[in-house]
Amino acid sequence: MRWRYRYLTLALCTALAGCSDTDTPAKTNTQQRDWSQLTLRLGDQSKILFTVAEAAGTLKDTPYRIEWANFQGAAPLFEALRAGAVDLAPAGDTPVLAAATGATPLKIIASRSGTGRSIAILVPENSPIHSLKDLEGRNVVVSSARGSIAQYLLIRALAQAGVDEQKVNVGFVLPTDALAAFNAGQIEAWATFGIYQAFAEEAGARVLIHGEGINSGLGFITAADSALADPSKRCALSDVLVRLSQAFDWAQKHPEEYAQIFATANSVPLNVSKRLRSWGDEIVRPVTDQDVQTLQDVDDLFVAKGIFPHAINTQLLADKNIFSEQGPECSGLTQPTNLSTTGY
C-alpha cells in the first residue's frame, strides 16, 4: 500500500508551498496514464478520515500514492491547503466559509452529513453556570478560531436565550490547549466539538447546550483548485470520495467495531471513543443544492455579525460533478467491493 501518514506543522506546510507532483508528467493519452506516479496529499483533522478509511479498508491498494497530513484544527489545515501542502481538506461549514472568505483557492467536492450533537458549550461539573443567561459577564473560550462551528453555536444559542453577545467575554484557543486548561479549571465555559468534547464530557463536564437543532450538522470535503485543475488528480480525488463514502457507510453498520478501532488508532480510551461514536457517524455524499443554500445562510449570519468581512456566493464554491467523474479519462481506477478491517 503506497501511503504514509505525516504530521505537518504550519511551518512545514509553509515550507512546502509551491510543492507539486513534478514526477507526474501530463498525459495526453489518458489510457496510458501511469497512476503509480501520482501522489495525493490528503489533509485531515484528528485523523477522522484516516481512521475510518483504515478501519474499512477502502483505501487499500489504490493505484496512486497517498500521503496524509493531520491537523488539530481547520485553521492550520487550510493554511496548508493554501500553501499547496495538501490537496484535500475536510472541515465544518463555518471553517470552509472562513477559508473561502480569505481567498483560499478551494472548492467543496463532497458533503459530510451528521448531527449537531458533537458540538457543545461545556462547563465544569461543579460550575455555578446552569443556563446560557449565566454566561453574562463570564469568559467563554471558543475552539479553535473565529468563524468556527463552535462559535456559530455560541452566537445562535445566546440569541435564542436572549443574551447580549457583548456581555460575554469570548476568546479563542486551539482545542488541545483548551482541553488542558479546561481540565485544570482555568476555563469557565468552553464551546468545542468532536473528540475534545468527548474527552471533557467523559471527565465530568456538563453540557450547557449542544448543537443539535442549531448547527447544520453539515461538514464538507474541499479540494485545492490546483488539484482539481490537474486531470489526473481530479480523477484520483473522485476515486477517493467514493472510497471515503464506502468507509463511512461501513462505520455506520459496525459502530462497536469502529469504536474499538478508533480508540486504538488514536490512542484514546475506549469510553471516549464510544461516546464520540454514540453521537452518530457521518455519511459522505455529493453536494446538493440544499447544502449550498444552508451554507449561504450561515455565511449571511457571520457577515451580519461582522465575523466575516464580506459575503461570498456559495454557489461558486461547489463542484457538484466530481463524485460521478469516472469516465474514460479515469481508466484504471476502481473502488473495492469487499470491505474489511486492516489489522487494528
C-alpha atoms as a PDB file:
ATOM      1  CA  MET A   1       0.000   0.000   0.000  1.00  0.00           C
ATOM      2  CA  ARG A   2       1.547   3.267  -1.104  1.00  0.00           C
ATOM      3  CA  TRP A   3       0.702   5.666   1.656  1.00  0.00           C
ATOM      4  CA  ARG A   4       2.263   7.352   4.621  1.00  0.00           C
ATOM      5  CA  TYR A   5       0.837   9.366   7.491  1.00  0.00           C
ATOM      6  CA  ARG A   6       2.745  12.533   8.302  1.00  0.00           C
ATOM      7  CA  TYR A   7       2.087  15.146  10.957  1.00  0.00           C
ATOM      8  CA  LEU A   8       2.747  18.527   9.367  1.00  0.00           C
ATOM      9  CA  THR A   9       3.011  21.755  11.310  1.00  0.00           C
ATOM     10  CA  LEU A  10       2.071  25.074   9.840  1.00  0.00           C
ATOM     11  CA  ALA A  11       5.727  25.949   9.434  1.00  0.00           C
ATOM     12  CA  LEU A  12       6.335  22.805   7.429  1.00  0.00           C
ATOM     13  CA  CYS A  13       3.271  23.476   5.314  1.00  0.00           C
ATOM     14  CA  THR A  14       4.581  26.917   4.514  1.00  0.00           C
ATOM     15  CA  ALA A  15       7.935  25.447   3.618  1.00  0.00           C
ATOM     16  CA  LEU A  16       6.156  23.143   1.220  1.00  0.00           C
ATOM     17  CA  ALA A  17       4.409  25.981  -0.562  1.00  0.00           C
ATOM     18  CA  GLY A  18       4.600  25.518  -4.266  1.00  0.00           C
ATOM     19  CA  CYS A  19       5.190  21.791  -3.937  1.00  0.00           C
ATOM     20  CA  SER A  20       3.772  19.814  -6.821  1.00  0.00           C
ATOM     21  CA  ASP A  21       3.982  16.427  -8.398  1.00  0.00           C
ATOM     22  CA  THR A  22       6.886  17.202 -10.638  1.00  0.00           C
ATOM     23  CA  ASP A  23       7.333  13.480 -11.132  1.00  0.00           C
ATOM     24  CA  THR A  24       3.858  13.259 -12.689  1.00  0.00           C
ATOM     25  CA  PRO A  25       4.046  14.354 -16.297  1.00  0.00           C
ATOM     26  CA  ALA A  26       0.901  15.414 -18.099  1.00  0.00           C
ATOM     27  CA  LYS A  27      -0.623  12.636 -20.181  1.00  0.00           C
ATOM     28  CA  THR A  28      -2.202  13.404 -23.464  1.00  0.00           C
ATOM     29  CA  ASN A  29      -3.310   9.806 -23.874  1.00  0.00           C
ATOM     30  CA  THR A  30      -5.385   9.109 -20.766  1.00  0.00           C
ATOM     31  CA  GLN A  31      -5.459   5.391 -21.472  1.00  0.00           C
ATOM     32  CA  GLN A  32      -1.700   5.253 -20.834  1.00  0.00           C
ATOM     33  CA  ARG A  33      -1.729   7.218 -17.578  1.00  0.00           C
ATOM     34  CA  ASP A  34       0.626   5.729 -15.001  1.00  0.00           C
ATOM     35  CA  TRP A  35      -1.249   6.127 -11.701  1.00  0.00           C
ATOM     36  CA  SER A  36       1.722   4.886  -9.703  1.00  0.00           C
ATOM     37  CA  GLN A  37       3.461   8.195 -10.410  1.00  0.00           C
ATOM     38  CA  LEU A  38       0.643  10.227  -8.853  1.00  0.00           C
ATOM     39  CA  THR A  39       0.620  11.282  -5.181  1.00  0.00           C
ATOM     40  CA  LEU A  40      -2.411  12.717  -3.405  1.00  0.00           C
ATOM     41  CA  ARG A  41      -1.780  14.632  -0.198  1.00  0.00           C
ATOM     42  CA  LEU A  42      -4.849  14.214   1.998  1.00  0.00           C
ATOM     43  CA  GLY A  43      -5.313  16.672   4.845  1.00  0.00           C
ATOM     44  CA  ASP A  44      -7.192  15.516   7.930  1.00  0.00           C
ATOM     45  CA  GLN A  45      -8.441  16.707  11.319  1.00  0.00           C
ATOM     46  CA  SER A  46      -7.974  14.490  14.374  1.00  0.00           C
ATOM     47  CA  LYS A  47      -7.327  11.583  11.981  1.00  0.00           C
ATOM     48  CA  ILE A  48     -11.052  11.201  11.276  1.00  0.00           C
ATOM     49  CA  LEU A  49     -10.785  10.349   7.573  1.00  0.00           C
ATOM     50  CA  PHE A  50      -7.631   8.323   8.025  1.00  0.00           C
ATOM     51  CA  THR A  51      -9.075   6.151  10.782  1.00  0.00           C
ATOM     52  CA  VAL A  52     -12.368   5.341   9.077  1.00  0.00           C
ATOM     53  CA  ALA A  53     -10.620   4.572   5.783  1.00  0.00           C
ATOM     54  CA  GLU A  54      -8.118   2.310   7.553  1.00  0.00           C
ATOM     55  CA  ALA A  55     -10.853   0.580   9.532  1.00  0.00           C
ATOM     56  CA  ALA A  56     -12.997  -0.150   6.483  1.00  0.00           C
ATOM     57  CA  GLY A  57     -10.040  -0.868   4.239  1.00  0.00           C
ATOM     58  CA  THR A  58     -11.394   1.278   1.425  1.00  0.00           C
ATOM     59  CA  LEU A  59      -8.101   2.959   0.566  1.00  0.00           C
ATOM     60  CA  LYS A  60      -6.138  -0.257   0.354  1.00  0.00           C
ATOM     61  CA  ASP A  61      -4.330  -0.908  -2.896  1.00  0.00           C
ATOM     62  CA  THR A  62      -5.065   2.397  -4.592  1.00  0.00           C
ATOM     63  CA  PRO A  63      -3.120   2.612  -7.873  1.00  0.00           C
ATOM     64  CA  TYR A  64      -1.907   6.078  -6.830  1.00  0.00           C
ATOM     65  CA  ARG A  65       0.087   7.010  -3.727  1.00  0.00           C
ATOM     66  CA  ILE A  66      -1.455   8.668  -0.686  1.00  0.00           C
ATOM     67  CA  GLU A  67       0.231  10.845   1.923  1.00  0.00           C
ATOM     68  CA  TRP A  68      -1.686  12.011   4.998  1.00  0.00           C
ATOM     69  CA  ALA A  69      -1.224  15.221   6.981  1.00  0.00           C
ATOM     70  CA  ASN A  70      -3.077  15.597  10.274  1.00  0.00           C
ATOM     71  CA  PHE A  71      -4.096  18.852  11.999  1.00  0.00           C
ATOM     72  CA  GLN A  72      -5.871  19.662  15.261  1.00  0.00           C
ATOM     73  CA  GLY A  73      -7.999  22.398  13.726  1.00  0.00           C
ATOM     74  CA  ALA A  74      -9.336  23.768  10.461  1.00  0.00           C
ATOM     75  CA  ALA A  75      -7.307  26.990  10.504  1.00  0.00           C
ATOM     76  CA  PRO A  76      -3.875  25.324  10.157  1.00  0.00           C
ATOM     77  CA  LEU A  77      -5.343  22.763   7.774  1.00  0.00           C
ATOM     78  CA  PHE A  78      -6.498  25.468   5.381  1.00  0.00           C
ATOM     79  CA  GLU A  79      -3.174  27.254   5.710  1.00  0.00           C
ATOM     80  CA  ALA A  80      -1.645  24.027   4.425  1.00  0.00           C
ATOM     81  CA  LEU A  81      -4.130  23.906   1.553  1.00  0.00           C
ATOM     82  CA  ARG A  82      -3.341  27.494   0.672  1.00  0.00           C
ATOM     83  CA  ALA A  83       0.394  26.719   0.769  1.00  0.00           C
ATOM     84  CA  GLY A  84      -0.018  23.774  -1.592  1.00  0.00           C
ATOM     85  CA  ALA A  85       0.980  21.242   1.067  1.00  0.00           C
ATOM     86  CA  VAL A  86      -2.294  19.271   0.850  1.00  0.00           C
ATOM     87  CA  ASP A  87      -4.744  18.589  -1.976  1.00  0.00           C
ATOM     88  CA  LEU A  88      -7.796  17.785   0.154  1.00  0.00           C
ATOM     89  CA  ALA A  89      -9.160  19.281   3.381  1.00  0.00           C
ATOM     90  CA  PRO A  90     -12.208  18.223   5.438  1.00  0.00           C
ATOM     91  CA  ALA A  91     -13.859  20.788   7.726  1.00  0.00           C
ATOM     92  CA  GLY A  92     -17.123  22.020   9.150  1.00  0.00           C
ATOM     93  CA  ASP A  93     -19.334  24.517   7.372  1.00  0.00           C
ATOM     94  CA  THR A  94     -18.061  27.680   9.051  1.00  0.00           C
ATOM     95  CA  PRO A  95     -14.312  26.962   8.692  1.00  0.00           C
ATOM     96  CA  VAL A  96     -14.874  26.315   4.983  1.00  0.00           C
ATOM     97  CA  LEU A  97     -16.582  29.680   4.722  1.00  0.00           C
ATOM     98  CA  ALA A  98     -13.787  31.367   6.678  1.00  0.00           C
ATOM     99  CA  ALA A  99     -11.202  29.894   4.331  1.00  0.00           C
ATOM    100  CA  ALA A 100     -13.169  30.911   1.249  1.00  0.00           C
ATOM    101  CA  THR A 101     -13.634  34.435   2.619  1.00  0.00           C
ATOM    102  CA  GLY A 102      -9.862  34.630   2.980  1.00  0.00           C
ATOM    103  CA  ALA A 103      -9.482  33.737  -0.713  1.00  0.00           C
ATOM    104  CA  THR A 104      -8.143  30.236  -0.107  1.00  0.00           C
ATOM    105  CA  PRO A 105      -8.290  28.597  -3.566  1.00  0.00           C
ATOM    106  CA  LEU A 106     -10.670  25.721  -2.903  1.00  0.00           C
ATOM    107  CA  LYS A 107     -13.874  24.040  -3.976  1.00  0.00           C
ATOM    108  CA  ILE A 108     -16.318  21.928  -1.987  1.00  0.00           C
ATOM    109  CA  ILE A 109     -16.336  18.471  -3.547  1.00  0.00           C
ATOM    110  CA  ALA A 110     -18.415  16.436  -1.053  1.00  0.00           C
ATOM    111  CA  SER A 111     -20.767  16.880   1.887  1.00  0.00           C
ATOM    112  CA  ARG A 112     -20.426  15.190   5.260  1.00  0.00           C
ATOM    113  CA  SER A 113     -23.858  14.913   6.814  1.00  0.00           C
ATOM    114  CA  GLY A 114     -24.200  14.236  10.532  1.00  0.00           C
ATOM    115  CA  THR A 115     -25.834  15.773  13.605  1.00  0.00           C
ATOM    116  CA  GLY A 116     -25.009  18.754  15.765  1.00  0.00           C
ATOM    117  CA  ARG A 117     -24.592  16.644  18.899  1.00  0.00           C
ATOM    118  CA  SER A 118     -20.811  16.645  18.515  1.00  0.00           C
ATOM    119  CA  ILE A 119     -20.672  20.422  19.107  1.00  0.00           C
ATOM    120  CA  ALA A 120     -21.399  21.829  22.557  1.00  0.00           C
ATOM    121  CA  ILE A 121     -20.890  24.529  25.141  1.00  0.00           C
ATOM    122  CA  LEU A 122     -19.426  22.859  28.224  1.00  0.00           C
ATOM    123  CA  VAL A 123     -18.930  23.969  31.816  1.00  0.00           C
ATOM    124  CA  PRO A 124     -17.066  22.225  34.650  1.00  0.00           C
ATOM    125  CA  GLU A 125     -19.093  19.723  36.670  1.00  0.00           C
ATOM    126  CA  ASN A 126     -19.368  21.952  39.753  1.00  0.00           C
ATOM    127  CA  SER A 127     -19.733  25.228  37.875  1.00  0.00           C
ATOM    128  CA  PRO A 128     -22.278  27.783  39.103  1.00  0.00           C
ATOM    129  CA  ILE A 129     -23.247  28.273  35.445  1.00  0.00           C
ATOM    130  CA  HIS A 130     -26.502  26.418  34.807  1.00  0.00           C
ATOM    131  CA  SER A 131     -28.040  28.323  31.906  1.00  0.00           C
ATOM    132  CA  LEU A 132     -26.988  30.415  28.957  1.00  0.00           C
ATOM    133  CA  LYS A 133     -28.129  33.522  30.825  1.00  0.00           C
ATOM    134  CA  ASP A 134     -25.486  32.735  33.441  1.00  0.00           C
ATOM    135  CA  LEU A 135     -22.823  33.376  30.797  1.00  0.00           C
ATOM    136  CA  GLU A 136     -23.340  37.131  31.105  1.00  0.00           C
ATOM    137  CA  GLY A 137     -20.095  38.641  32.401  1.00  0.00           C
ATOM    138  CA  ARG A 138     -18.317  35.283  32.076  1.00  0.00           C
ATOM    139  CA  ASN A 139     -15.349  34.192  29.964  1.00  0.00           C
ATOM    140  CA  VAL A 140     -16.147  31.719  27.187  1.00  0.00           C
ATOM    141  CA  VAL A 141     -13.389  30.030  25.219  1.00  0.00           C
ATOM    142  CA  VAL A 142     -14.190  29.009  21.649  1.00  0.00           C
ATOM    143  CA  SER A 143     -12.201  26.412  19.723  1.00  0.00           C
ATOM    144  CA  SER A 144     -10.497  26.829  17.511  1.00  0.00           C
ATOM    145  CA  ALA A 145     -10.676  30.235  15.780  1.00  0.00           C
ATOM    146  CA  ARG A 146     -13.071  32.953  14.669  1.00  0.00           C
ATOM    147  CA  GLY A 147     -15.583  31.501  12.261  1.00  0.00           C
ATOM    148  CA  SER A 148     -15.612  28.015  13.790  1.00  0.00           C
ATOM    149  CA  ILE A 149     -18.619  25.734  14.168  1.00  0.00           C
ATOM    150  CA  ALA A 150     -18.346  26.228  17.933  1.00  0.00           C
ATOM    151  CA  GLN A 151     -18.611  29.998  17.562  1.00  0.00           C
ATOM    152  CA  TYR A 152     -21.703  29.562  15.389  1.00  0.00           C
ATOM    153  CA  LEU A 153     -23.297  27.509  18.175  1.00  0.00           C
ATOM    154  CA  LEU A 154     -22.410  30.166  20.750  1.00  0.00           C
ATOM    155  CA  ILE A 155     -23.879  33.004  18.665  1.00  0.00           C
ATOM    156  CA  ARG A 156     -27.120  31.186  17.895  1.00  0.00           C
ATOM    157  CA  ALA A 157     -27.532  29.827  21.439  1.00  0.00           C
ATOM    158  CA  LEU A 158     -27.037  33.233  23.054  1.00  0.00           C
ATOM    159  CA  ALA A 159     -29.543  34.772  20.636  1.00  0.00           C
ATOM    160  CA  GLN A 160     -32.128  32.106  21.431  1.00  0.00           C
ATOM    161  CA  ALA A 161     -31.637  32.717  25.154  1.00  0.00           C
ATOM    162  CA  GLY A 162     -31.894  36.487  24.753  1.00  0.00           C
ATOM    163  CA  VAL A 163     -28.354  37.086  25.967  1.00  0.00           C
ATOM    164  CA  ASP A 164     -26.446  40.069  24.604  1.00  0.00           C
ATOM    165  CA  GLU A 165     -23.236  38.811  22.996  1.00  0.00           C
ATOM    166  CA  GLN A 166     -21.472  41.979  24.052  1.00  0.00           C
ATOM    167  CA  LYS A 167     -21.909  40.943  27.685  1.00  0.00           C
ATOM    168  CA  VAL A 168     -19.983  37.704  27.165  1.00  0.00           C
ATOM    169  CA  ASN A 169     -16.193  37.723  27.024  1.00  0.00           C
ATOM    170  CA  VAL A 170     -15.154  35.464  24.164  1.00  0.00           C
ATOM    171  CA  GLY A 171     -11.639  34.182  23.476  1.00  0.00           C
ATOM    172  CA  PHE A 172     -10.219  31.661  21.002  1.00  0.00           C
ATOM    173  CA  VAL A 173      -7.888  28.777  21.843  1.00  0.00           C
ATOM    174  CA  LEU A 174      -6.870  25.684  19.872  1.00  0.00           C
ATOM    175  CA  PRO A 175      -8.724  22.637  21.221  1.00  0.00           C
ATOM    176  CA  THR A 176      -5.780  20.663  22.626  1.00  0.00           C
ATOM    177  CA  ASP A 177      -4.621  23.657  24.659  1.00  0.00           C
ATOM    178  CA  ALA A 178      -8.185  24.461  25.675  1.00  0.00           C
ATOM    179  CA  LEU A 179      -8.826  20.892  26.839  1.00  0.00           C
ATOM    180  CA  ALA A 180      -5.823  21.026  29.170  1.00  0.00           C
ATOM    181  CA  ALA A 181      -6.892  24.410  30.524  1.00  0.00           C
ATOM    182  CA  PHE A 182     -10.492  23.258  30.949  1.00  0.00           C
ATOM    183  CA  ASN A 183      -9.408  20.164  32.875  1.00  0.00           C
ATOM    184  CA  ALA A 184      -7.245  22.386  35.079  1.00  0.00           C
ATOM    185  CA  GLY A 185     -10.243  24.540  35.967  1.00  0.00           C
ATOM    186  CA  GLN A 186      -8.951  27.566  34.082  1.00  0.00           C
ATOM    187  CA  ILE A 187     -11.922  27.935  31.712  1.00  0.00           C
ATOM    188  CA  GLU A 188     -15.404  28.954  32.869  1.00  0.00           C
ATOM    189  CA  ALA A 189     -17.202  27.804  29.715  1.00  0.00           C
ATOM    190  CA  TRP A 190     -15.932  26.172  26.549  1.00  0.00           C
ATOM    191  CA  ALA A 191     -17.522  25.938  23.103  1.00  0.00           C
ATOM    192  CA  THR A 192     -15.904  22.967  21.408  1.00  0.00           C
ATOM    193  CA  PHE A 193     -16.518  19.871  19.311  1.00  0.00           C
ATOM    194  CA  GLY A 194     -15.701  16.261  18.496  1.00  0.00           C
ATOM    195  CA  ILE A 195     -13.058  14.269  20.300  1.00  0.00           C
ATOM    196  CA  TYR A 196     -12.165  17.182  22.596  1.00  0.00           C
ATOM    197  CA  GLN A 197     -15.779  17.455  23.672  1.00  0.00           C
ATOM    198  CA  ALA A 198     -15.943  13.696  24.241  1.00  0.00           C
ATOM    199  CA  PHE A 199     -12.838  13.791  26.468  1.00  0.00           C
ATOM    200  CA  ALA A 200     -14.295  16.626  28.528  1.00  0.00           C
ATOM    201  CA  GLU A 201     -17.704  15.007  28.910  1.00  0.00           C
ATOM    202  CA  GLU A 202     -16.155  11.717  29.981  1.00  0.00           C
ATOM    203  CA  ALA A 203     -14.224  13.635  32.634  1.00  0.00           C
ATOM    204  CA  GLY A 204     -17.470  15.055  34.024  1.00  0.00           C
ATOM    205  CA  ALA A 205     -18.059  18.263  32.082  1.00  0.00           C
ATOM    206  CA  ARG A 206     -21.674  19.364  31.916  1.00  0.00           C
ATOM    207  CA  VAL A 207     -23.303  20.181  28.607  1.00  0.00           C
ATOM    208  CA  LEU A 208     -24.892  23.600  28.781  1.00  0.00           C
ATOM    209  CA  ILE A 209     -26.256  23.184  25.256  1.00  0.00           C
ATOM    210  CA  HIS A 210     -25.294  21.144  22.213  1.00  0.00           C
ATOM    211  CA  GLY A 211     -25.626  21.939  18.556  1.00  0.00           C
ATOM    212  CA  GLU A 212     -28.411  19.571  17.581  1.00  0.00           C
ATOM    213  CA  GLY A 213     -31.161  21.700  16.086  1.00  0.00           C
ATOM    214  CA  ILE A 214     -28.839  24.728  15.928  1.00  0.00           C
ATOM    215  CA  ASN A 215     -25.814  23.770  13.848  1.00  0.00           C
ATOM    216  CA  SER A 216     -26.483  22.409  10.388  1.00  0.00           C
ATOM    217  CA  GLY A 217     -24.752  19.102  11.047  1.00  0.00           C
ATOM    218  CA  LEU A 218     -23.002  19.629   7.741  1.00  0.00           C
ATOM    219  CA  GLY A 219     -19.323  19.275   7.154  1.00  0.00           C
ATOM    220  CA  PHE A 220     -17.572  19.311   3.824  1.00  0.00           C
ATOM    221  CA  ILE A 221     -14.602  17.894   1.998  1.00  0.00           C
ATOM    222  CA  THR A 222     -12.800  20.512  -0.021  1.00  0.00           C
ATOM    223  CA  ALA A 223     -10.040  20.297  -2.597  1.00  0.00           C
ATOM    224  CA  ALA A 224      -7.470  22.790  -3.779  1.00  0.00           C
ATOM    225  CA  ASP A 225      -8.244  24.467  -7.085  1.00  0.00           C
ATOM    226  CA  SER A 226      -4.812  23.420  -8.332  1.00  0.00           C
ATOM    227  CA  ALA A 227      -5.575  19.754  -7.644  1.00  0.00           C
ATOM    228  CA  LEU A 228      -8.939  19.941  -9.391  1.00  0.00           C
ATOM    229  CA  ALA A 229      -7.298  21.563 -12.415  1.00  0.00           C
ATOM    230  CA  ASP A 230      -4.932  18.601 -12.769  1.00  0.00           C
ATOM    231  CA  PRO A 231      -6.810  15.900 -14.768  1.00  0.00           C
ATOM    232  CA  SER A 232      -5.002  13.038 -13.021  1.00  0.00           C
ATOM    233  CA  LYS A 233      -5.551  14.400  -9.532  1.00  0.00           C
ATOM    234  CA  ARG A 234      -9.173  15.174 -10.320  1.00  0.00           C
ATOM    235  CA  CYS A 235      -9.768  11.542 -11.263  1.00  0.00           C
ATOM    236  CA  ALA A 236      -7.975  10.329  -8.147  1.00  0.00           C
ATOM    237  CA  LEU A 237      -9.946  12.718  -5.922  1.00  0.00           C
ATOM    238  CA  SER A 238     -13.178  11.401  -7.403  1.00  0.00           C
ATOM    239  CA  ASP A 239     -11.976   7.891  -6.634  1.00  0.00           C
ATOM    240  CA  VAL A 240     -11.071   8.873  -3.051  1.00  0.00           C
ATOM    241  CA  LEU A 241     -14.524  10.358  -2.446  1.00  0.00           C
ATOM    242  CA  VAL A 242     -16.286   7.143  -3.430  1.00  0.00           C
ATOM    243  CA  ARG A 243     -13.927   5.152  -1.209  1.00  0.00           C
ATOM    244  CA  LEU A 244     -14.490   7.502   1.749  1.00  0.00           C
ATOM    245  CA  SER A 245     -18.252   7.267   1.251  1.00  0.00           C
ATOM    246  CA  GLN A 246     -17.954   3.480   1.431  1.00  0.00           C
ATOM    247  CA  ALA A 247     -15.817   3.782   4.572  1.00  0.00           C
ATOM    248  CA  PHE A 248     -18.344   5.906   6.468  1.00  0.00           C
ATOM    249  CA  ASP A 249     -21.113   3.552   5.377  1.00  0.00           C
ATOM    250  CA  TRP A 250     -19.092   0.687   6.875  1.00  0.00           C
ATOM    251  CA  ALA A 251     -18.622   2.634  10.135  1.00  0.00           C
ATOM    252  CA  GLN A 252     -22.373   3.198  10.498  1.00  0.00           C
ATOM    253  CA  LYS A 253     -23.006  -0.518  10.097  1.00  0.00           C
ATOM    254  CA  HIS A 254     -20.239  -1.525  12.554  1.00  0.00           C
ATOM    255  CA  PRO A 255     -20.400   1.050  15.399  1.00  0.00           C
ATOM    256  CA  GLU A 256     -18.922  -1.142  18.145  1.00  0.00           C
ATOM    257  CA  GLU A 257     -16.097  -2.416  15.988  1.00  0.00           C
ATOM    258  CA  TYR A 258     -15.322   1.061  14.736  1.00  0.00           C
ATOM    259  CA  ALA A 259     -15.307   2.492  18.272  1.00  0.00           C
ATOM    260  CA  GLN A 260     -12.625  -0.031  19.237  1.00  0.00           C
ATOM    261  CA  ILE A 261     -10.588   0.649  16.118  1.00  0.00           C
ATOM    262  CA  PHE A 262     -10.864   4.412  16.573  1.00  0.00           C
ATOM    263  CA  ALA A 263      -9.689   4.118  20.181  1.00  0.00           C
ATOM    264  CA  THR A 264      -6.676   2.022  19.195  1.00  0.00           C
ATOM    265  CA  ALA A 265      -5.724   4.099  16.161  1.00  0.00           C
ATOM    266  CA  ASN A 266      -5.914   7.386  18.050  1.00  0.00           C
ATOM    267  CA  SER A 267      -4.603   6.178  21.417  1.00  0.00           C
ATOM    268  CA  VAL A 268      -7.712   7.330  23.257  1.00  0.00           C
ATOM    269  CA  PRO A 269      -9.693   5.482  25.960  1.00  0.00           C
ATOM    270  CA  LEU A 270     -12.433   3.233  24.646  1.00  0.00           C
ATOM    271  CA  ASN A 271     -15.089   5.055  26.676  1.00  0.00           C
ATOM    272  CA  VAL A 272     -14.151   8.330  24.954  1.00  0.00           C
ATOM    273  CA  SER A 273     -14.339   6.669  21.558  1.00  0.00           C
ATOM    274  CA  LYS A 274     -17.702   5.092  22.348  1.00  0.00           C
ATOM    275  CA  ARG A 275     -19.103   8.423  23.479  1.00  0.00           C
ATOM    276  CA  LEU A 276     -17.959  10.048  20.267  1.00  0.00           C
ATOM    277  CA  ARG A 277     -19.423   7.253  18.170  1.00  0.00           C
ATOM    278  CA  SER A 278     -22.721   7.416  20.097  1.00  0.00           C
ATOM    279  CA  TRP A 279     -23.363  10.843  18.607  1.00  0.00           C
ATOM    280  CA  GLY A 280     -23.629   9.257  15.181  1.00  0.00           C
ATOM    281  CA  ASP A 281     -21.195   8.846  12.330  1.00  0.00           C
ATOM    282  CA  GLU A 282     -21.376  10.957   9.233  1.00  0.00           C
ATOM    283  CA  ILE A 283     -22.156   9.947   5.706  1.00  0.00           C
ATOM    284  CA  VAL A 284     -20.156  11.289   2.776  1.00  0.00           C
ATOM    285  CA  ARG A 285     -22.224  12.140  -0.290  1.00  0.00           C
ATOM    286  CA  PRO A 286     -22.376  14.518  -3.270  1.00  0.00           C
ATOM    287  CA  VAL A 287     -23.067  18.193  -2.597  1.00  0.00           C
ATOM    288  CA  THR A 288     -26.729  19.173  -3.042  1.00  0.00           C
ATOM    289  CA  ASP A 289     -28.404  22.488  -3.797  1.00  0.00           C
ATOM    290  CA  GLN A 290     -29.834  22.455  -0.267  1.00  0.00           C
ATOM    291  CA  ASP A 291     -26.330  22.085   1.191  1.00  0.00           C
ATOM    292  CA  VAL A 292     -25.203  25.120  -0.766  1.00  0.00           C
ATOM    293  CA  GLN A 293     -28.194  27.176   0.413  1.00  0.00           C
ATOM    294  CA  THR A 294     -27.644  26.128   4.035  1.00  0.00           C
ATOM    295  CA  LEU A 295     -24.043  27.222   3.728  1.00  0.00           C
ATOM    296  CA  GLN A 296     -25.159  30.559   2.304  1.00  0.00           C
ATOM    297  CA  ASP A 297     -27.455  31.098   5.300  1.00  0.00           C
ATOM    298  CA  VAL A 298     -24.549  30.525   7.683  1.00  0.00           C
ATOM    299  CA  ASP A 299     -22.363  32.921   5.716  1.00  0.00           C
ATOM    300  CA  ASP A 300     -25.078  35.576   5.794  1.00  0.00           C
ATOM    301  CA  LEU A 301     -25.228  35.340   9.598  1.00  0.00           C
ATOM    302  CA  PHE A 302     -21.471  35.650  10.064  1.00  0.00           C
ATOM    303  CA  VAL A 303     -21.320  38.619   7.710  1.00  0.00           C
ATOM    304  CA  ALA A 304     -24.169  40.303   9.596  1.00  0.00           C
ATOM    305  CA  LYS A 305     -22.288  39.738  12.864  1.00  0.00           C
ATOM    306  CA  GLY A 306     -19.107  41.225  11.413  1.00  0.00           C
ATOM    307  CA  ILE A 307     -17.176  37.955  11.814  1.00  0.00           C
ATOM    308  CA  PHE A 308     -16.591  37.723   8.079  1.00  0.00           C
ATOM    309  CA  PRO A 309     -15.636  40.970   6.292  1.00  0.00           C
ATOM    310  CA  HIS A 310     -17.716  40.323   3.198  1.00  0.00           C
ATOM    311  CA  ALA A 311     -20.227  37.898   1.764  1.00  0.00           C
ATOM    312  CA  ILE A 312     -19.396  35.134  -0.685  1.00  0.00           C
ATOM    313  CA  ASN A 313     -21.562  33.342  -3.225  1.00  0.00           C
ATOM    314  CA  THR A 314     -21.567  29.729  -2.035  1.00  0.00           C
ATOM    315  CA  GLN A 315     -22.850  28.587  -5.426  1.00  0.00           C
ATOM    316  CA  LEU A 316     -19.381  29.365  -6.767  1.00  0.00           C
ATOM    317  CA  LEU A 317     -17.726  27.193  -4.114  1.00  0.00           C
ATOM    318  CA  ALA A 318     -19.325  23.885  -5.020  1.00  0.00           C
ATOM    319  CA  ASP A 319     -18.073  21.335  -7.544  1.00  0.00           C
ATOM    320  CA  LYS A 320     -21.076  19.011  -7.769  1.00  0.00           C
ATOM    321  CA  ASN A 321     -19.779  16.839 -10.597  1.00  0.00           C
ATOM    322  CA  ILE A 322     -16.606  15.272  -9.264  1.00  0.00           C
ATOM    323  CA  PHE A 323     -18.347  12.465  -7.364  1.00  0.00           C
ATOM    324  CA  SER A 324     -19.537  10.906 -10.615  1.00  0.00           C
ATOM    325  CA  GLU A 325     -16.453  11.502 -12.754  1.00  0.00           C
ATOM    326  CA  GLN A 326     -15.327   8.001 -13.619  1.00  0.00           C
ATOM    327  CA  GLY A 327     -15.168   8.272 -17.401  1.00  0.00           C
ATOM    328  CA  PRO A 328     -12.505   7.019 -19.831  1.00  0.00           C
ATOM    329  CA  GLU A 329     -10.029   9.641 -18.662  1.00  0.00           C
ATOM    330  CA  CYS A 330     -10.085   7.912 -15.251  1.00  0.00           C
ATOM    331  CA  SER A 331      -9.421   4.454 -16.648  1.00  0.00           C
ATOM    332  CA  GLY A 332      -7.673   2.152 -14.197  1.00  0.00           C
ATOM    333  CA  LEU A 333      -9.411   3.437 -11.046  1.00  0.00           C
ATOM    334  CA  THR A 334     -11.808   1.003  -9.413  1.00  0.00           C
ATOM    335  CA  GLN A 335     -13.237   1.007  -5.903  1.00  0.00           C
ATOM    336  CA  PRO A 336     -13.085  -2.036  -3.601  1.00  0.00           C
ATOM    337  CA  THR A 337     -16.251  -4.094  -3.236  1.00  0.00           C
ATOM    338  CA  ASN A 338     -15.253  -6.229  -0.222  1.00  0.00           C
ATOM    339  CA  LEU A 339     -14.561  -4.110   2.844  1.00  0.00           C
ATOM    340  CA  SER A 340     -12.657  -5.368   5.855  1.00  0.00           C
ATOM    341  CA  THR A 341     -10.625  -4.041   8.739  1.00  0.00           C
ATOM    342  CA  THR A 342      -6.905  -3.664   8.359  1.00  0.00           C
ATOM    343  CA  GLY A 343      -5.446  -5.213  11.470  1.00  0.00           C
ATOM    344  CA  TYR A 344      -6.010  -2.708  14.275  1.00  0.00           C
END
